Protein backbone atom coordinates (compact mmCIF):
# COMPACT_ATOMS: atom_id res chain seq x y z
CA MET A 1 108.76 43.35 93.92
CA PRO A 2 111.83 41.22 93.04
CA LEU A 3 114.97 43.03 91.97
CA GLY A 4 115.13 43.54 88.22
CA TRP A 5 111.35 43.64 87.68
CA ARG A 6 109.58 46.75 86.51
CA VAL A 7 105.83 47.28 86.45
CA ARG A 8 104.50 48.97 83.35
CA ARG A 9 100.94 50.26 83.17
CA SER A 10 100.98 52.95 80.49
CA CYS A 11 102.67 54.25 77.33
CA PRO A 12 101.82 51.34 75.04
CA ARG A 13 103.68 51.17 71.75
CA GLU A 14 102.57 49.79 68.44
CA ALA A 15 104.08 46.37 67.89
CA SER A 16 103.45 44.38 64.78
CA ASP A 17 105.08 41.64 62.82
CA MET A 18 106.66 40.03 65.86
CA ARG A 19 107.63 36.36 65.72
CA PHE A 20 106.08 34.04 68.32
CA LEU A 21 106.32 30.37 69.25
CA LEU A 22 103.37 29.18 71.34
CA ASP A 23 103.98 26.42 73.84
CA MET A 24 101.87 23.26 74.12
CA ASN A 25 99.89 24.66 77.06
CA LEU A 26 98.22 27.18 74.73
CA PRO A 27 95.54 26.31 72.19
CA PRO A 28 96.68 26.28 68.53
CA ALA A 29 93.92 28.81 67.81
CA MET A 30 96.04 31.42 69.65
CA ALA A 31 98.66 31.20 66.88
CA GLU A 32 95.94 31.82 64.30
CA TRP A 33 94.68 34.80 66.30
CA LEU A 34 98.20 36.28 66.54
CA GLN A 35 98.56 35.85 62.78
CA SER A 36 95.29 37.75 62.29
CA GLU A 37 96.83 40.53 64.44
CA GLY A 38 99.72 40.82 61.95
CA HIS A 39 102.32 38.65 63.69
CA ASP A 40 104.28 35.61 62.55
CA ALA A 41 103.09 32.99 65.03
CA VAL A 42 103.38 29.22 65.09
CA HIS A 43 102.30 26.62 67.60
CA ILE A 44 104.95 24.22 68.82
CA ARG A 45 102.81 21.25 67.75
CA ASP A 46 102.78 22.47 64.13
CA LEU A 47 106.59 22.44 64.07
CA GLY A 48 106.82 18.91 65.46
CA PHE A 49 108.50 20.11 68.68
CA ALA A 50 105.72 18.92 71.02
CA HIS A 51 107.95 16.39 72.78
CA LEU A 52 111.13 18.44 73.03
CA PRO A 53 112.35 19.46 76.50
CA ASP A 54 111.73 23.12 77.36
CA ARG A 55 115.41 24.03 77.04
CA ASP A 56 115.49 22.69 73.45
CA VAL A 57 112.24 24.51 72.62
CA PHE A 58 113.81 27.74 73.88
CA THR A 59 116.98 27.14 71.86
CA ARG A 60 114.94 26.56 68.69
CA ALA A 61 112.87 29.69 69.36
CA ALA A 62 116.05 31.75 69.83
CA GLU A 63 117.60 30.33 66.64
CA ASP A 64 114.46 31.29 64.71
CA GLY A 65 114.12 34.71 66.36
CA ARG A 66 110.84 33.81 68.05
CA ILE A 67 109.41 34.89 71.38
CA VAL A 68 108.06 32.00 73.46
CA VAL A 69 104.51 32.40 74.82
CA THR A 70 103.73 29.98 77.65
CA PHE A 71 102.10 29.27 80.98
CA ASP A 72 105.20 27.23 81.97
CA LEU A 73 107.36 29.02 84.58
CA ASP A 74 110.38 26.86 83.67
CA PHE A 75 110.99 29.15 80.70
CA GLY A 76 111.71 32.05 83.05
CA GLU A 77 114.59 30.09 84.55
CA ILE A 78 115.83 29.05 81.11
CA VAL A 79 115.91 32.68 79.97
CA GLY A 80 117.79 33.64 83.11
CA LEU A 81 120.43 31.01 82.39
CA ALA A 82 120.65 31.87 78.69
CA GLY A 83 120.83 35.61 79.36
CA ALA A 84 121.24 37.89 76.36
CA ALA A 85 121.91 34.94 74.07
CA GLY A 86 118.27 33.92 74.06
CA SER A 87 114.82 34.88 73.02
CA GLY A 88 112.17 36.78 74.93
CA VAL A 89 109.46 34.95 76.85
CA VAL A 90 105.89 35.86 77.71
CA LEU A 91 104.97 34.04 80.93
CA LEU A 92 101.21 33.95 81.37
CA ARG A 93 99.98 33.83 84.97
CA LEU A 94 96.26 34.30 84.49
CA ARG A 95 93.48 33.12 86.77
CA LEU A 96 91.00 33.38 83.90
CA ALA A 97 92.22 31.38 80.94
CA ARG A 98 89.24 32.13 78.69
CA GLN A 99 90.17 33.00 75.11
CA ASN A 100 88.91 36.59 75.28
CA HIS A 101 90.79 37.35 78.49
CA LEU A 102 93.94 35.61 77.25
CA ARG A 103 93.85 37.55 73.97
CA GLY A 104 93.28 40.87 75.74
CA ARG A 105 96.16 40.37 78.15
CA LEU A 106 98.50 39.14 75.42
CA ARG A 107 97.58 42.11 73.21
CA ALA A 108 98.36 44.46 76.13
CA ALA A 109 101.69 42.72 76.80
CA ILE A 110 102.76 43.01 73.17
CA ALA A 111 101.83 46.69 73.08
CA GLU A 112 103.58 47.52 76.36
CA ALA A 113 106.60 45.24 76.21
CA GLY A 114 107.18 44.48 72.53
CA ALA A 115 110.61 46.13 72.36
CA ALA A 116 111.70 44.48 75.61
CA LEU A 117 110.56 41.07 74.34
CA GLU A 118 112.54 41.50 71.14
CA SER A 119 115.59 42.24 73.32
CA GLY A 120 115.22 38.98 75.25
CA ALA A 121 113.20 40.13 78.27
CA ILE A 122 110.91 38.02 80.42
CA VAL A 123 107.43 39.52 80.51
CA LEU A 124 105.13 38.23 83.23
CA VAL A 125 101.50 38.78 82.29
CA GLU A 126 99.05 38.71 85.18
CA ASP A 127 95.36 39.54 85.32
CA ALA A 128 95.92 43.10 86.56
CA ARG A 129 99.50 43.97 85.63
CA ILE A 130 102.40 43.31 83.33
CA ARG A 131 105.93 43.02 84.73
CA ILE A 132 109.03 43.31 82.58
CA ARG A 133 112.39 41.86 83.50
CA ARG A 134 115.13 42.92 81.13
CA MET A 135 118.18 40.74 80.93
CA PRO A 136 121.48 42.51 81.63
CA PRO A 137 123.73 42.88 78.57
CA GLY A 138 126.26 40.11 78.25
CA SER A 139 124.65 37.93 80.92
């Protein structure tokens, strides 16, 4: 396991009313589902950011206090470069991209890593595990 990553499999916490920005590689219906779960979620298309480069999307998300949800691994690098000045990112690495599976894994990630996400962590969501990489303070 790469340095800085931590696997978390238990002790979920309640997380509600988190703010999310969903990337273009997710269906807009995911934003509606997150809203139904009690979160403030918007799809990048609905904000008119569909053609912005990833770095600008991340900057806008950070300015608005939103956590980026994406399948795009570039956001992990962007968070690493931004360090503590940025927003958290949920990186989805799922073999099954069906809505039910996606929702279940995202729900688990929010429950297990909500506080870390709000602190700017990168959360890698895989089919069988969730890995959390917290950014060092002041990085």
